[in-house]
């Protein structure tokens, strides 16, 4: 089974509560650029971006800092990461993020904190067969 964050942009009200919850829990600041999920509401249409746990980045990492855990979630070992950002470059969904001042990239690990914060049921943790 593969655990992942499933987004439902048609339900999203662009309140950004998910981004706030995510950045607050992982970086201790309320900053959408430090969120592992991104909401784009520019231009009227809402889009949501979070890692789908495809694993392409794992195959690219030269130091094996990325791996897939038993739940099918791609995890980053910051101690092994050399900050080459090859994972960022190959991510087909642009869901591996970098931020000024951070030495390693970051991504959604399907923890569910954003789902708890979302008032519109626009984000769910789901599992699917590999």
C-alpha atoms as a PDB file:
ATOM      1  CA  UNK A   1       0.000   0.000   0.000  1.00  0.00           C
ATOM      2  CA  UNK A   2       1.089   3.518  -0.752  1.00  0.00           C
ATOM      3  CA  UNK A   3       0.044   6.393   1.517  1.00  0.00           C
ATOM      4  CA  UNK A   4      -0.290   9.800  -0.113  1.00  0.00           C
ATOM      5  CA  UNK A   5      -1.992  13.149   0.159  1.00  0.00           C
ATOM      6  CA  UNK A   6      -4.941  13.421  -2.221  1.00  0.00           C
ATOM      7  CA  UNK A   7      -6.063  16.919  -3.117  1.00  0.00           C
ATOM      8  CA  UNK A   8      -9.524  18.023  -4.185  1.00  0.00           C
ATOM      9  CA  UNK A   9      -9.095  21.540  -5.615  1.00  0.00           C
ATOM     10  CA  UNK A  10     -12.802  21.747  -6.427  1.00  0.00           C
ATOM     11  CA  UNK A  11     -13.455  21.767  -2.651  1.00  0.00           C
ATOM     12  CA  UNK A  12     -10.651  24.196  -1.773  1.00  0.00           C
ATOM     13  CA  UNK A  13     -11.689  27.641  -0.561  1.00  0.00           C
ATOM     14  CA  UNK A  14      -8.099  29.007  -0.662  1.00  0.00           C
ATOM     15  CA  UNK A  15      -8.036  29.829   3.050  1.00  0.00           C
ATOM     16  CA  UNK A  16      -4.420  28.578   3.194  1.00  0.00           C
ATOM     17  CA  UNK A  17      -5.003  26.961   6.599  1.00  0.00           C
ATOM     18  CA  UNK A  18      -3.231  23.835   5.350  1.00  0.00           C
ATOM     19  CA  UNK A  19      -0.090  25.784   4.423  1.00  0.00           C
ATOM     20  CA  UNK A  20      -0.125  27.554   7.766  1.00  0.00           C
ATOM     21  CA  UNK A  21      -0.471  24.301   9.708  1.00  0.00           C
ATOM     22  CA  UNK A  22       2.278  22.609   7.701  1.00  0.00           C
ATOM     23  CA  UNK A  23       4.868  25.375   7.944  1.00  0.00           C
ATOM     24  CA  UNK A  24       4.072  25.911  11.617  1.00  0.00           C
ATOM     25  CA  UNK A  25       4.577  22.276  12.552  1.00  0.00           C
ATOM     26  CA  UNK A  26       7.763  21.702  10.537  1.00  0.00           C
ATOM     27  CA  UNK A  27       9.456  25.118  10.563  1.00  0.00           C
ATOM     28  CA  UNK A  28       7.781  26.811  13.561  1.00  0.00           C
ATOM     29  CA  UNK A  29       6.717  29.795  11.421  1.00  0.00           C
ATOM     30  CA  UNK A  30       3.578  30.633   9.467  1.00  0.00           C
ATOM     31  CA  UNK A  31       5.063  30.943   5.972  1.00  0.00           C
ATOM     32  CA  UNK A  32       3.414  29.440   2.871  1.00  0.00           C
ATOM     33  CA  UNK A  33       6.835  29.165   1.199  1.00  0.00           C
ATOM     34  CA  UNK A  34       7.857  26.740   3.937  1.00  0.00           C
ATOM     35  CA  UNK A  35       4.773  24.582   3.527  1.00  0.00           C
ATOM     36  CA  UNK A  36       5.007  21.121   2.026  1.00  0.00           C
ATOM     37  CA  UNK A  37       1.675  21.686   0.315  1.00  0.00           C
ATOM     38  CA  UNK A  38       1.068  24.685  -1.911  1.00  0.00           C
ATOM     39  CA  UNK A  39      -2.197  26.378  -2.791  1.00  0.00           C
ATOM     40  CA  UNK A  40      -2.269  28.646  -5.841  1.00  0.00           C
ATOM     41  CA  UNK A  41      -5.348  30.798  -6.187  1.00  0.00           C
ATOM     42  CA  UNK A  42      -3.947  33.394  -8.583  1.00  0.00           C
ATOM     43  CA  UNK A  43      -6.048  33.972 -11.670  1.00  0.00           C
ATOM     44  CA  UNK A  44      -9.266  32.583 -10.242  1.00  0.00           C
ATOM     45  CA  UNK A  45      -8.681  28.844 -10.606  1.00  0.00           C
ATOM     46  CA  UNK A  46      -7.391  27.059  -7.508  1.00  0.00           C
ATOM     47  CA  UNK A  47      -4.639  24.467  -7.822  1.00  0.00           C
ATOM     48  CA  UNK A  48      -3.082  22.383  -5.077  1.00  0.00           C
ATOM     49  CA  UNK A  49       0.389  20.899  -5.133  1.00  0.00           C
ATOM     50  CA  UNK A  50       1.712  18.133  -2.878  1.00  0.00           C
ATOM     51  CA  UNK A  51       3.956  15.124  -3.430  1.00  0.00           C
ATOM     52  CA  UNK A  52       2.183  12.072  -4.830  1.00  0.00           C
ATOM     53  CA  UNK A  53       5.000   9.791  -3.581  1.00  0.00           C
ATOM     54  CA  UNK A  54       5.925   8.624  -7.096  1.00  0.00           C
ATOM     55  CA  UNK A  55       9.533   7.918  -6.086  1.00  0.00           C
ATOM     56  CA  UNK A  56      11.273   9.322  -9.161  1.00  0.00           C
ATOM     57  CA  UNK A  57      13.414  11.481  -6.866  1.00  0.00           C
ATOM     58  CA  UNK A  58      14.596   8.384  -4.979  1.00  0.00           C
ATOM     59  CA  UNK A  59      16.098   6.939  -8.153  1.00  0.00           C
ATOM     60  CA  UNK A  60      17.944  10.197  -8.855  1.00  0.00           C
ATOM     61  CA  UNK A  61      19.523  10.900  -5.464  1.00  0.00           C
ATOM     62  CA  UNK A  62      23.302  10.278  -5.663  1.00  0.00           C
ATOM     63  CA  UNK A  63      23.701   9.757  -1.890  1.00  0.00           C
ATOM     64  CA  UNK A  64      20.614   7.642  -1.208  1.00  0.00           C
ATOM     65  CA  UNK A  65      19.276  10.376   1.081  1.00  0.00           C
ATOM     66  CA  UNK A  66      15.808   9.617  -0.254  1.00  0.00           C
ATOM     67  CA  UNK A  67      14.060   6.335   0.416  1.00  0.00           C
ATOM     68  CA  UNK A  68      10.553   4.910   0.454  1.00  0.00           C
ATOM     69  CA  UNK A  69       9.265   3.772   3.837  1.00  0.00           C
ATOM     70  CA  UNK A  70       6.972   0.823   4.559  1.00  0.00           C
ATOM     71  CA  UNK A  71       3.887   2.993   3.972  1.00  0.00           C
ATOM     72  CA  UNK A  72       5.095   3.998   0.522  1.00  0.00           C
ATOM     73  CA  UNK A  73       6.076   7.524   1.550  1.00  0.00           C
ATOM     74  CA  UNK A  74       9.244   9.092   0.161  1.00  0.00           C
ATOM     75  CA  UNK A  75      11.383  10.240   3.081  1.00  0.00           C
ATOM     76  CA  UNK A  76      14.494  12.427   3.131  1.00  0.00           C
ATOM     77  CA  UNK A  77      17.440  11.742   5.439  1.00  0.00           C
ATOM     78  CA  UNK A  78      18.912  15.230   5.875  1.00  0.00           C
ATOM     79  CA  UNK A  79      22.172  13.787   7.220  1.00  0.00           C
ATOM     80  CA  UNK A  80      22.830  12.078   3.870  1.00  0.00           C
ATOM     81  CA  UNK A  81      21.649  14.962   1.682  1.00  0.00           C
ATOM     82  CA  UNK A  82      24.418  16.996   0.023  1.00  0.00           C
ATOM     83  CA  UNK A  83      22.069  19.707  -1.252  1.00  0.00           C
ATOM     84  CA  UNK A  84      22.605  18.985  -4.949  1.00  0.00           C
ATOM     85  CA  UNK A  85      18.870  19.470  -5.616  1.00  0.00           C
ATOM     86  CA  UNK A  86      18.761  16.802  -8.315  1.00  0.00           C
ATOM     87  CA  UNK A  87      15.535  15.600  -6.691  1.00  0.00           C
ATOM     88  CA  UNK A  88      14.023  19.058  -7.149  1.00  0.00           C
ATOM     89  CA  UNK A  89      15.017  19.085 -10.814  1.00  0.00           C
ATOM     90  CA  UNK A  90      13.456  15.700 -11.639  1.00  0.00           C
ATOM     91  CA  UNK A  91      10.225  16.007  -9.640  1.00  0.00           C
ATOM     92  CA  UNK A  92       7.448  15.685 -12.241  1.00  0.00           C
ATOM     93  CA  UNK A  93       4.922  17.504 -10.045  1.00  0.00           C
ATOM     94  CA  UNK A  94       7.234  20.260  -8.733  1.00  0.00           C
ATOM     95  CA  UNK A  95       6.538  19.009  -5.213  1.00  0.00           C
ATOM     96  CA  UNK A  96      10.107  18.905  -3.910  1.00  0.00           C
ATOM     97  CA  UNK A  97      10.680  22.366  -2.492  1.00  0.00           C
ATOM     98  CA  UNK A  98      13.681  24.499  -1.625  1.00  0.00           C
ATOM     99  CA  UNK A  99      13.725  27.728   0.333  1.00  0.00           C
ATOM    100  CA  UNK A 100      16.308  30.401   0.988  1.00  0.00           C
ATOM    101  CA  UNK A 101      18.179  29.561   4.150  1.00  0.00           C
ATOM    102  CA  UNK A 102      17.378  25.845   3.997  1.00  0.00           C
ATOM    103  CA  UNK A 103      20.258  23.519   3.136  1.00  0.00           C
ATOM    104  CA  UNK A 104      18.139  20.545   2.118  1.00  0.00           C
ATOM    105  CA  UNK A 105      14.924  20.279   0.095  1.00  0.00           C
ATOM    106  CA  UNK A 106      11.618  19.336   1.693  1.00  0.00           C
ATOM    107  CA  UNK A 107       8.404  17.630   0.571  1.00  0.00           C
ATOM    108  CA  UNK A 108       5.105  16.284   1.794  1.00  0.00           C
ATOM    109  CA  UNK A 109       5.393  13.130   3.883  1.00  0.00           C
ATOM    110  CA  UNK A 110       1.632  12.534   4.117  1.00  0.00           C
ATOM    111  CA  UNK A 111       1.570  13.278   7.841  1.00  0.00           C
ATOM    112  CA  UNK A 112      -1.996  14.583   7.744  1.00  0.00           C
ATOM    113  CA  UNK A 113      -1.545  17.832   9.671  1.00  0.00           C
ATOM    114  CA  UNK A 114      -2.951  19.769   6.705  1.00  0.00           C
ATOM    115  CA  UNK A 115      -6.019  17.537   6.504  1.00  0.00           C
ATOM    116  CA  UNK A 116      -6.843  18.363  10.113  1.00  0.00           C
ATOM    117  CA  UNK A 117      -6.532  22.092   9.403  1.00  0.00           C
ATOM    118  CA  UNK A 118      -8.614  22.098   6.209  1.00  0.00           C
ATOM    119  CA  UNK A 119     -12.191  23.297   6.829  1.00  0.00           C
ATOM    120  CA  UNK A 120     -13.370  22.319   3.338  1.00  0.00           C
ATOM    121  CA  UNK A 121     -12.366  18.639   3.085  1.00  0.00           C
ATOM    122  CA  UNK A 122     -10.108  19.530   0.153  1.00  0.00           C
ATOM    123  CA  UNK A 123      -7.219  17.325   1.328  1.00  0.00           C
ATOM    124  CA  UNK A 124      -7.286  13.703   2.446  1.00  0.00           C
ATOM    125  CA  UNK A 125      -4.754  11.038   3.335  1.00  0.00           C
ATOM    126  CA  UNK A 126      -5.453   8.059   1.112  1.00  0.00           C
ATOM    127  CA  UNK A 127      -3.825   4.750   0.342  1.00  0.00           C
ATOM    128  CA  UNK A 128      -3.632   2.887  -2.919  1.00  0.00           C
ATOM    129  CA  UNK A 129      -2.012  -0.237  -4.247  1.00  0.00           C
ATOM    130  CA  UNK A 130       1.546   0.267  -5.492  1.00  0.00           C
END
